[in-house]
Protein backbone atom coordinates (compact mmCIF):
# COMPACT_ATOMS: atom_id res chain seq x y z
CA MET A 1 -42.36 14.66 -0.13
CA ARG A 2 -42.26 12.10 2.69
CA LYS A 3 -39.75 9.28 2.56
CA SER A 4 -41.00 5.72 2.57
CA THR A 5 -40.07 3.33 5.36
CA GLU A 6 -37.79 1.48 2.93
CA GLN A 7 -35.98 4.71 2.01
CA ILE A 8 -35.44 5.59 5.67
CA GLN A 9 -34.19 2.07 6.47
CA LYS A 10 -31.81 2.17 3.48
CA GLN A 11 -30.50 5.58 4.53
CA PHE A 12 -29.92 4.32 8.09
CA GLN A 13 -28.17 1.16 6.85
CA ASP A 14 -25.76 3.30 4.83
CA LEU A 15 -24.72 5.26 7.94
CA VAL A 16 -21.51 4.33 9.68
CA ILE A 17 -22.39 4.32 13.38
CA VAL A 18 -19.95 4.70 16.26
CA ARG A 19 -21.18 3.34 19.59
CA LYS A 20 -19.46 4.70 22.69
CA SER A 21 -20.11 3.62 26.23
CA ASN A 22 -20.66 6.47 28.67
CA ASP A 23 -17.44 5.36 30.39
CA LEU A 24 -15.58 5.91 27.13
CA ILE A 25 -17.25 9.27 26.49
CA GLU A 26 -16.36 10.40 30.00
CA ALA A 27 -12.81 9.02 29.83
CA ARG A 28 -10.00 11.50 29.41
CA TYR A 29 -7.92 11.42 26.27
CA LYS A 30 -6.51 13.92 23.82
CA MET A 31 -6.15 13.28 20.11
CA THR A 32 -5.68 15.15 16.87
CA MET A 33 -8.62 15.15 14.45
CA TRP A 34 -6.76 12.65 12.24
CA GLU A 35 -6.36 10.34 15.23
CA VAL A 36 -10.05 10.81 16.12
CA ARG A 37 -11.07 9.78 12.59
CA VAL A 38 -9.05 6.56 12.84
CA TRP A 39 -10.26 5.92 16.43
CA ASP A 40 -13.92 6.44 15.51
CA LYS A 41 -13.66 4.15 12.49
CA PHE A 42 -12.18 1.51 14.78
CA LEU A 43 -15.06 2.03 17.25
CA SER A 44 -17.63 1.73 14.45
CA ILE A 45 -16.39 -1.82 13.84
CA LEU A 46 -16.82 -2.69 17.52
CA ARG A 47 -20.47 -1.61 17.54
CA LYS A 48 -21.77 -5.03 16.50
CA GLU A 49 -19.38 -7.06 18.65
CA LYS A 50 -20.58 -9.11 21.62
CA GLU A 51 -17.03 -9.36 22.95
CA ILE A 52 -13.83 -7.54 22.06
CA LYS A 53 -11.26 -9.49 20.04
CA ASP A 54 -7.52 -9.02 20.46
CA GLU A 55 -6.94 -7.58 16.98
CA TYR A 56 -8.95 -5.57 14.45
CA LYS A 57 -8.44 -4.64 10.81
CA VAL A 58 -9.50 -1.17 9.65
CA SER A 59 -9.50 -0.19 5.98
CA ILE A 60 -7.69 3.07 5.21
CA HIS A 61 -9.82 3.58 2.10
CA GLU A 62 -13.00 3.27 4.18
CA ILE A 63 -11.78 6.03 6.50
CA ILE A 64 -11.18 8.28 3.48
CA GLU A 65 -14.63 7.39 2.12
CA ASN A 66 -16.51 7.79 5.44
CA TYR A 67 -15.06 11.24 6.06
CA GLN A 68 -15.18 12.28 2.38
CA LEU A 69 -11.45 13.07 2.31
CA TYR A 70 -11.00 12.44 -1.42
CA ALA A 71 -9.74 15.97 -2.13
CA ASP A 72 -7.08 15.84 0.60
CA LYS A 73 -3.97 14.59 -1.17
CA ARG A 74 -2.22 13.86 2.15
CA ALA A 75 -5.17 11.98 3.70
CA PHE A 76 -3.56 8.55 3.21
CA GLN A 77 -0.28 9.61 4.84
CA ASN A 78 -2.09 11.48 7.63
CA ILE A 79 -4.19 8.42 8.44
CA ILE A 80 -1.12 6.17 8.63
CA LYS A 81 0.70 8.70 10.84
CA ALA A 82 -2.38 9.08 13.07
CA ALA A 83 -2.72 5.32 13.46
CA HIS A 84 0.86 5.00 14.68
CA THR A 85 0.66 7.97 17.05
CA LEU A 86 -2.50 6.46 18.57
CA GLN A 87 -0.32 3.73 20.03
CA ASP A 88 1.43 6.39 22.12
CA ARG A 89 -1.86 7.88 23.36
CA TYR A 90 -3.37 7.07 26.73
CA ILE A 91 -6.94 6.74 27.86
CA THR A 92 -7.75 7.47 31.49
CA ASN A 93 -10.92 6.36 33.23
CA SER A 94 -12.08 6.49 36.84
CA ASN A 95 -14.89 4.52 38.45
CA ILE A 96 -16.29 5.04 41.92
CA SER A 97 -18.44 2.49 43.69
CA ARG A 98 -19.39 1.99 47.32
CA GLU A 99 -16.58 -0.50 47.77
CA GLU A 100 -13.71 1.09 45.85
CA PHE A 101 -12.25 3.77 43.63
CA ARG A 102 -10.60 2.56 40.41
CA HIS A 103 -8.38 4.70 38.24
CA LEU A 104 -7.16 3.21 34.94
CA ARG A 105 -4.52 4.65 32.61
CA SER A 106 -3.79 2.55 29.54
CA HIS A 107 -2.43 2.88 26.04
CA VAL A 108 -5.23 3.15 23.48
CA PHE A 109 -3.65 0.32 21.46
CA ALA A 110 -1.06 -2.30 22.41
CA SER A 111 0.32 -2.33 18.86
CA VAL A 112 -0.42 -0.78 15.49
CA GLU A 113 0.63 -2.18 12.13
CA THR A 114 -0.09 -0.62 8.73
CA VAL A 115 -0.24 -2.88 5.68
CA VAL A 116 -0.28 -1.92 1.99
CA THR A 117 -0.63 -4.83 -0.43
CA ARG A 118 0.47 -5.06 -4.06
CA ASP A 119 -3.13 -5.04 -5.24
CA GLY A 120 -3.74 -1.63 -3.64
CA ASP A 121 -5.50 -2.77 -0.49
CA SER A 122 -4.41 -0.86 2.61
CA TYR A 123 -5.39 -1.36 6.19
CA ILE A 124 -4.37 -0.91 9.79
CA LEU A 125 -4.14 -3.75 12.31
CA PHE A 126 -4.88 -2.68 15.89
CA GLU A 127 -4.11 -4.82 18.93
CA VAL A 128 -6.45 -3.95 21.81
CA PRO A 129 -5.07 -3.83 25.37
CA LYS A 130 -6.88 -6.21 27.73
CA LYS A 131 -7.55 -3.56 30.39
CA ILE A 132 -9.59 -1.25 28.15
CA LYS A 133 -11.80 -3.94 26.59
CA PRO A 134 -14.61 -3.42 29.16
CA ILE A 135 -14.61 0.33 28.43
CA LEU A 136 -14.83 -0.28 24.68
CA LEU A 137 -17.66 -2.77 24.92
CA ALA A 138 -20.90 -0.79 25.03
CA THR A 139 -23.44 -3.57 25.44
CA ASN A 140 -25.36 -2.19 28.39
CA GLU A 141 -27.89 0.64 28.40
CA ARG A 142 -25.21 3.24 29.11
CA TYR A 143 -24.04 4.12 25.60
CA LYS A 144 -24.60 6.63 22.83
CA ASP A 145 -24.60 6.08 19.06
CA PHE A 146 -23.11 8.68 16.71
CA ALA A 147 -23.21 8.74 12.92
CA LEU A 148 -19.75 9.38 11.46
CA GLU A 149 -21.32 11.71 8.90
CA ASN A 150 -22.11 14.14 11.76
CA PHE A 151 -18.38 14.75 12.13
CA ILE A 152 -17.41 15.33 8.50
CA GLY A 153 -17.22 19.12 8.82
CA ILE A 154 -15.75 19.23 12.34
CA SER A 155 -12.07 20.12 12.37
CA SER A 156 -11.54 20.54 16.11
CA PHE A 157 -11.05 17.72 18.61
CA TYR A 158 -12.60 19.88 21.34
CA SER A 159 -15.75 20.60 19.31
CA LYS A 160 -16.26 16.89 18.74
CA ARG A 161 -15.68 16.02 22.42
CA LEU A 162 -18.12 18.71 23.53
CA TYR A 163 -20.71 17.37 21.08
CA GLU A 164 -20.28 13.83 22.49
CA LEU A 165 -20.53 14.98 26.10
CA LEU A 166 -23.66 17.02 25.41
CA LYS A 167 -25.31 14.18 23.44
CA GLN A 168 -25.20 12.06 26.61
CA TYR A 169 -27.81 14.37 28.12
CA GLU A 170 -30.03 14.57 25.05
CA ARG A 171 -32.73 12.25 26.40
CA ILE A 172 -32.37 12.68 30.15
CA GLY A 173 -31.59 16.39 30.37
CA GLU A 174 -29.39 15.93 33.44
CA ARG A 175 -27.53 13.32 35.44
């Protein structure tokens, strides 16, 4: 049975989409899968932004929901630990133009703060370093969208990175 246009639109609206610029996909960084989950949830919030703010709030419960981690009893603690270790991670990006070669190495986040309120709300506050804002902002034609649900069953950082790198060539075949 074929889905109606309304059903397809509803299904698409329910997806959590991560938008990554090609510069970000090609950047070098290494993370655990827990860190990747937090990082991708952060990036999914940026998708609709016209400009990058200095601080973002990410719900811990939404990360658990998006990745269907209900059965993992340590998910909450692993997410908090991953958020704090992300502050120690670096992202490296190089750009070559006719005029210059630029090589950037920056912390992924300037600061990370986890908050748990009395009413059960829990979230992470991320402060974004100024130097990586242009890499995070994927407003031009050089970006790729990924649905978070595609990564639910992936348990390897390298498998996910390979998937992202290959998806860049999906439409063009080569570069």
